[in-house]
C-alpha cells in the first residue's frame, strides 16, 4: 500500500513509542521477578502507619481482627510528630510517657 508522507511519519512515531512502552514493560517484569526472588519481606506494617488496622497480629487480618481482647487506644489515629516523643511513628495502641498533642494542625 502507498502511504502519504504524513502517515509515514505518524507510523514511524507510533512504532518508536510502541518499542519504548515494550521496553518499559520488560523493565517492570525484570523488577517484579527480581523483587520476588531477592527482595526483603515488607512485614506487617511497611509504611509505619499508626492506625489500628496495621497493628493486627497478622496481615491481612482474619475475622475478628484483634482476637479475644480489643486493643486499648492511647492516642488518635494520625498523631505524628508528638512533642517530647522519641520517634515520629507511634502506633495508637502503644502507651507513651507523654501527653497526646491537642494542638490544631
N, C-alpha and C. Protein backbone atom coordinates (compact mmCIF):
# COMPACT_ATOMS: atom_id res chain seq x y z
N UNK A 1 0.84 -1.18 0.00
CA UNK A 1 0.00 0.00 0.00
C UNK A 1 0.87 1.24 0.00
N UNK A 2 0.33 2.27 -0.54
CA UNK A 2 1.05 3.53 -0.62
C UNK A 2 0.56 4.43 0.50
N UNK A 3 1.53 4.97 1.29
CA UNK A 3 1.17 5.87 2.39
C UNK A 3 1.57 7.29 2.02
N UNK A 4 0.78 8.22 2.49
CA UNK A 4 1.18 9.61 2.32
C UNK A 4 2.33 9.89 3.27
N UNK A 5 3.02 10.99 3.05
CA UNK A 5 4.18 11.30 3.88
C UNK A 5 3.78 11.54 5.33
N UNK A 6 2.65 12.18 5.57
CA UNK A 6 2.23 12.43 6.95
C UNK A 6 1.89 11.12 7.66
N UNK A 7 1.32 10.15 6.94
CA UNK A 7 1.01 8.86 7.54
C UNK A 7 2.30 8.08 7.82
N UNK A 8 3.30 8.25 6.98
CA UNK A 8 4.58 7.58 7.20
C UNK A 8 5.23 8.07 8.48
N UNK A 9 5.22 9.38 8.70
CA UNK A 9 5.81 9.94 9.93
C UNK A 9 5.02 9.48 11.16
N UNK A 10 3.71 9.46 11.04
CA UNK A 10 2.88 9.01 12.16
C UNK A 10 3.13 7.53 12.44
N UNK A 11 3.27 6.73 11.39
CA UNK A 11 3.55 5.31 11.57
C UNK A 11 4.91 5.11 12.25
N UNK A 12 5.90 5.88 11.86
CA UNK A 12 7.23 5.78 12.49
C UNK A 12 7.16 6.18 13.96
N UNK A 13 6.47 7.26 14.24
CA UNK A 13 6.33 7.74 15.62
C UNK A 13 5.64 6.69 16.50
N UNK A 14 4.56 6.13 16.01
CA UNK A 14 3.82 5.12 16.78
C UNK A 14 4.67 3.87 16.98
N UNK A 15 5.45 3.49 15.98
CA UNK A 15 6.32 2.32 16.12
C UNK A 15 7.39 2.55 17.19
N UNK A 16 8.00 3.73 17.18
CA UNK A 16 9.01 4.05 18.19
C UNK A 16 8.39 4.06 19.59
N UNK A 17 7.22 4.65 19.73
CA UNK A 17 6.55 4.68 21.03
C UNK A 17 6.18 3.27 21.50
N UNK A 18 5.80 2.41 20.58
CA UNK A 18 5.47 1.02 20.94
C UNK A 18 6.71 0.30 21.46
N UNK A 19 7.87 0.53 20.86
CA UNK A 19 9.11 -0.07 21.36
C UNK A 19 9.47 0.46 22.74
N UNK A 20 9.27 1.76 22.97
CA UNK A 20 9.55 2.34 24.29
C UNK A 20 8.64 1.74 25.35
N UNK A 21 7.36 1.62 25.05
CA UNK A 21 6.41 1.03 26.00
C UNK A 21 6.76 -0.44 26.24
N UNK A 22 7.12 -1.16 25.19
CA UNK A 22 7.53 -2.56 25.35
C UNK A 22 8.77 -2.69 26.22
N UNK A 23 9.74 -1.80 26.04
CA UNK A 23 10.94 -1.81 26.88
C UNK A 23 10.58 -1.53 28.34
N UNK A 24 9.68 -0.58 28.57
CA UNK A 24 9.25 -0.28 29.94
C UNK A 24 8.58 -1.49 30.58
N UNK A 25 7.83 -2.24 29.82
CA UNK A 25 7.20 -3.46 30.35
C UNK A 25 8.25 -4.51 30.70
N UNK A 26 9.30 -4.61 29.89
CA UNK A 26 10.38 -5.54 30.20
C UNK A 26 11.10 -5.14 31.49
N UNK A 27 11.32 -3.85 31.69
CA UNK A 27 11.93 -3.37 32.94
C UNK A 27 11.02 -3.71 34.12
N UNK A 28 9.72 -3.51 33.96
CA UNK A 28 8.77 -3.85 35.03
C UNK A 28 8.82 -5.34 35.36
N UNK A 29 8.79 -6.20 34.34
CA UNK A 29 8.82 -7.64 34.58
C UNK A 29 10.13 -8.07 35.24
N UNK A 30 11.25 -7.50 34.82
CA UNK A 30 12.53 -7.81 35.45
C UNK A 30 12.49 -7.41 36.93
N UNK A 31 12.01 -6.21 37.22
CA UNK A 31 11.93 -5.74 38.60
C UNK A 31 11.00 -6.62 39.43
N UNK A 32 9.88 -7.02 38.87
CA UNK A 32 8.94 -7.88 39.58
C UNK A 32 9.57 -9.22 39.92
N UNK A 33 10.19 -9.86 38.94
CA UNK A 33 10.79 -11.18 39.17
C UNK A 33 11.97 -11.06 40.14
N UNK A 34 12.80 -10.04 39.98
CA UNK A 34 13.94 -9.86 40.88
C UNK A 34 13.46 -9.61 42.31
N UNK A 35 12.41 -8.79 42.47
CA UNK A 35 11.89 -8.50 43.81
C UNK A 35 11.29 -9.73 44.46
N UNK A 36 10.62 -10.57 43.69
CA UNK A 36 10.04 -11.80 44.24
C UNK A 36 11.15 -12.73 44.72
N UNK A 37 12.23 -12.83 43.96
CA UNK A 37 13.31 -13.75 44.32
C UNK A 37 14.26 -13.20 45.37
N UNK A 38 14.61 -11.91 45.28
CA UNK A 38 15.67 -11.36 46.12
C UNK A 38 15.22 -10.26 47.08
N UNK A 39 14.01 -9.80 46.95
CA UNK A 39 13.55 -8.69 47.79
C UNK A 39 13.34 -9.11 49.23
N UNK A 40 13.44 -8.13 50.13
CA UNK A 40 13.22 -8.44 51.54
C UNK A 40 11.73 -8.34 51.85
N UNK A 41 11.29 -9.06 52.86
CA UNK A 41 9.88 -9.07 53.22
C UNK A 41 9.50 -7.74 53.86
N UNK A 42 8.34 -7.25 53.51
CA UNK A 42 7.91 -5.94 53.99
C UNK A 42 7.48 -5.96 55.44
N UNK A 43 6.94 -7.05 55.93
CA UNK A 43 6.48 -7.10 57.32
C UNK A 43 5.04 -6.66 57.43
N UNK A 44 4.55 -6.61 58.65
CA UNK A 44 3.15 -6.31 58.89
C UNK A 44 2.77 -4.85 58.74
N UNK A 45 3.72 -3.93 58.89
CA UNK A 45 3.41 -2.51 58.82
C UNK A 45 4.53 -1.80 58.04
N UNK A 46 4.61 -2.01 56.73
CA UNK A 46 5.74 -1.46 55.97
C UNK A 46 5.75 0.06 55.86
N UNK A 47 4.59 0.70 56.03
CA UNK A 47 4.52 2.16 55.90
C UNK A 47 4.60 2.86 57.25
N UNK A 48 4.80 2.09 58.32
CA UNK A 48 4.87 2.63 59.68
C UNK A 48 3.63 3.48 59.97
N UNK A 49 2.48 2.95 59.63
CA UNK A 49 1.21 3.63 59.89
C UNK A 49 0.86 3.51 61.36
N UNK A 50 0.17 4.49 61.89
CA UNK A 50 -0.16 4.50 63.31
C UNK A 50 -1.54 3.95 63.60
N UNK A 51 -2.36 3.72 62.58
CA UNK A 51 -3.75 3.33 62.80
C UNK A 51 -3.86 1.86 63.18
N UNK A 52 -4.99 1.51 63.80
CA UNK A 52 -5.16 0.19 64.38
C UNK A 52 -5.16 -0.95 63.37
N UNK A 53 -5.60 -0.71 62.14
CA UNK A 53 -5.65 -1.82 61.19
C UNK A 53 -4.26 -2.37 60.87
N UNK A 54 -3.22 -1.59 61.12
CA UNK A 54 -1.85 -2.06 60.89
C UNK A 54 -1.23 -2.67 62.14
N UNK A 55 -1.96 -2.71 63.24
CA UNK A 55 -1.43 -3.26 64.49
C UNK A 55 -1.95 -4.66 64.76
N UNK A 56 -2.64 -5.26 63.81
CA UNK A 56 -3.17 -6.61 63.99
C UNK A 56 -2.03 -7.62 63.98
N UNK A 57 -2.23 -8.79 64.61
CA UNK A 57 -1.15 -9.77 64.66
C UNK A 57 -0.80 -10.37 63.30
N UNK A 58 -1.70 -10.37 62.35
CA UNK A 58 -1.40 -10.89 61.01
C UNK A 58 -2.02 -9.97 59.97
N UNK A 59 -1.38 -9.89 58.80
CA UNK A 59 -1.88 -9.04 57.74
C UNK A 59 -2.10 -9.89 56.50
N UNK A 60 -3.23 -9.90 55.85
CA UNK A 60 -4.47 -9.24 56.24
C UNK A 60 -5.13 -9.98 57.40
N UNK A 61 -5.82 -9.25 58.25
CA UNK A 61 -6.41 -9.89 59.42
C UNK A 61 -7.57 -10.81 59.06
N UNK A 62 -7.71 -11.84 59.84
CA UNK A 62 -8.84 -12.76 59.67
C UNK A 62 -10.07 -12.16 60.36
N UNK A 63 -11.16 -12.89 60.38
CA UNK A 63 -12.37 -12.40 61.03
C UNK A 63 -12.09 -12.20 62.51
N UNK A 64 -12.57 -11.10 63.08
CA UNK A 64 -12.27 -10.79 64.48
C UNK A 64 -10.85 -10.27 64.58
N UNK A 65 -10.56 -9.21 63.90
CA UNK A 65 -9.22 -8.69 63.67
C UNK A 65 -8.24 -8.82 64.83
N UNK A 66 -8.68 -8.50 66.04
CA UNK A 66 -7.74 -8.38 67.15
C UNK A 66 -7.79 -9.56 68.11
N UNK A 67 -8.51 -10.61 67.79
CA UNK A 67 -8.59 -11.76 68.68
C UNK A 67 -9.61 -11.55 69.79
N UNK A 68 -9.35 -12.13 70.95
CA UNK A 68 -10.31 -12.08 72.05
C UNK A 68 -10.34 -10.72 72.73
N UNK A 69 -9.21 -10.05 72.82
CA UNK A 69 -9.15 -8.76 73.51
C UNK A 69 -8.97 -7.63 72.50
N UNK A 70 -9.78 -6.60 72.66
CA UNK A 70 -9.64 -5.42 71.80
C UNK A 70 -8.47 -4.58 72.30
N UNK A 71 -7.76 -3.90 71.40
CA UNK A 71 -6.63 -3.09 71.84
C UNK A 71 -7.09 -1.83 72.58
N UNK A 72 -6.25 -1.36 73.47
CA UNK A 72 -6.50 -0.10 74.17
C UNK A 72 -5.87 1.00 73.32
N UNK A 73 -6.62 2.06 73.08
CA UNK A 73 -6.15 3.15 72.24
C UNK A 73 -5.69 4.29 73.14
N UNK A 74 -4.45 4.75 72.95
CA UNK A 74 -3.86 5.80 73.78
C UNK A 74 -3.78 7.15 73.09
N UNK A 75 -3.95 7.19 71.78
CA UNK A 75 -3.87 8.46 71.06
C UNK A 75 -4.71 8.36 69.79
N UNK A 76 -4.95 9.48 69.15
CA UNK A 76 -5.76 9.46 67.94
C UNK A 76 -4.95 8.91 66.77
N UNK A 77 -5.62 8.59 65.70
CA UNK A 77 -5.03 7.81 64.61
C UNK A 77 -3.86 8.49 63.91
N UNK A 78 -3.87 9.79 63.76
CA UNK A 78 -2.85 10.47 62.97
C UNK A 78 -2.02 11.41 63.83
N UNK A 79 -1.59 10.92 64.97
CA UNK A 79 -0.81 11.74 65.90
C UNK A 79 0.67 11.57 65.59
N UNK A 80 1.13 12.24 64.53
CA UNK A 80 2.54 12.19 64.15
C UNK A 80 3.26 13.39 64.75
N UNK A 81 4.56 13.28 64.90
CA UNK A 81 5.42 14.36 65.40
C UNK A 81 4.92 14.90 66.74
N UNK A 82 4.70 14.02 67.69
CA UNK A 82 4.25 14.42 69.02
C UNK A 82 5.42 15.06 69.74
N UNK A 83 5.25 16.29 70.28
CA UNK A 83 6.34 16.91 71.03
C UNK A 83 6.73 16.05 72.23
N UNK A 84 8.01 15.82 72.41
CA UNK A 84 8.51 15.03 73.52
C UNK A 84 8.65 13.55 73.23
N UNK A 85 8.16 13.09 72.10
CA UNK A 85 8.26 11.67 71.75
C UNK A 85 9.63 11.38 71.14
N UNK A 86 10.12 10.16 71.36
CA UNK A 86 11.43 9.78 70.81
C UNK A 86 11.37 9.53 69.31
N UNK A 87 10.22 9.04 68.83
CA UNK A 87 10.07 8.73 67.41
C UNK A 87 8.89 9.49 66.82
N UNK A 88 8.92 9.65 65.50
CA UNK A 88 7.80 10.29 64.81
C UNK A 88 6.63 9.31 64.66
N UNK A 89 6.93 8.03 64.63
CA UNK A 89 5.93 6.99 64.42
C UNK A 89 5.61 6.33 65.75
N UNK A 90 4.39 6.53 66.24
CA UNK A 90 3.95 5.89 67.48
C UNK A 90 2.56 5.33 67.24
N UNK A 91 2.41 4.00 67.21
CA UNK A 91 1.09 3.41 66.98
C UNK A 91 0.09 3.80 68.06
N UNK A 92 -1.19 3.72 67.71
CA UNK A 92 -2.26 4.09 68.64
C UNK A 92 -2.28 3.22 69.88
N UNK A 93 -1.91 1.97 69.76
CA UNK A 93 -2.05 1.05 70.87
C UNK A 93 -0.79 0.91 71.73
N UNK A 94 0.19 1.77 71.54
CA UNK A 94 1.41 1.74 72.35
C UNK A 94 1.34 2.88 73.36
N UNK A 95 1.40 2.56 74.67
CA UNK A 95 1.34 3.64 75.66
C UNK A 95 2.62 4.47 75.62
N UNK A 96 2.50 5.72 75.98
CA UNK A 96 3.66 6.60 75.99
C UNK A 96 3.74 7.35 77.31
N UNK A 97 4.90 7.90 77.60
CA UNK A 97 5.08 8.67 78.82
C UNK A 97 4.93 10.17 78.55
N UNK A 98 4.18 10.50 77.53
CA UNK A 98 3.94 11.89 77.16
C UNK A 98 2.46 12.05 76.87
N UNK A 99 2.00 13.27 76.90
CA UNK A 99 0.59 13.55 76.64
C UNK A 99 0.36 13.66 75.14
N UNK A 100 -0.79 13.19 74.66
CA UNK A 100 -1.09 13.35 73.24
C UNK A 100 -1.23 14.82 72.87
N UNK A 101 -0.87 15.14 71.66
CA UNK A 101 -0.97 16.54 71.24
C UNK A 101 -2.42 16.91 70.99
N UNK A 102 -2.81 18.05 71.43
CA UNK A 102 -4.16 18.57 71.20
C UNK A 102 -4.10 19.89 70.44
N UNK A 103 -2.93 20.21 69.91
CA UNK A 103 -2.78 21.45 69.16
C UNK A 103 -3.39 21.30 67.78
N UNK A 104 -4.01 22.37 67.26
CA UNK A 104 -4.54 22.28 65.89
C UNK A 104 -3.41 22.15 64.88
N UNK A 105 -3.71 21.47 63.80
CA UNK A 105 -2.69 21.23 62.77
C UNK A 105 -2.40 22.46 61.97
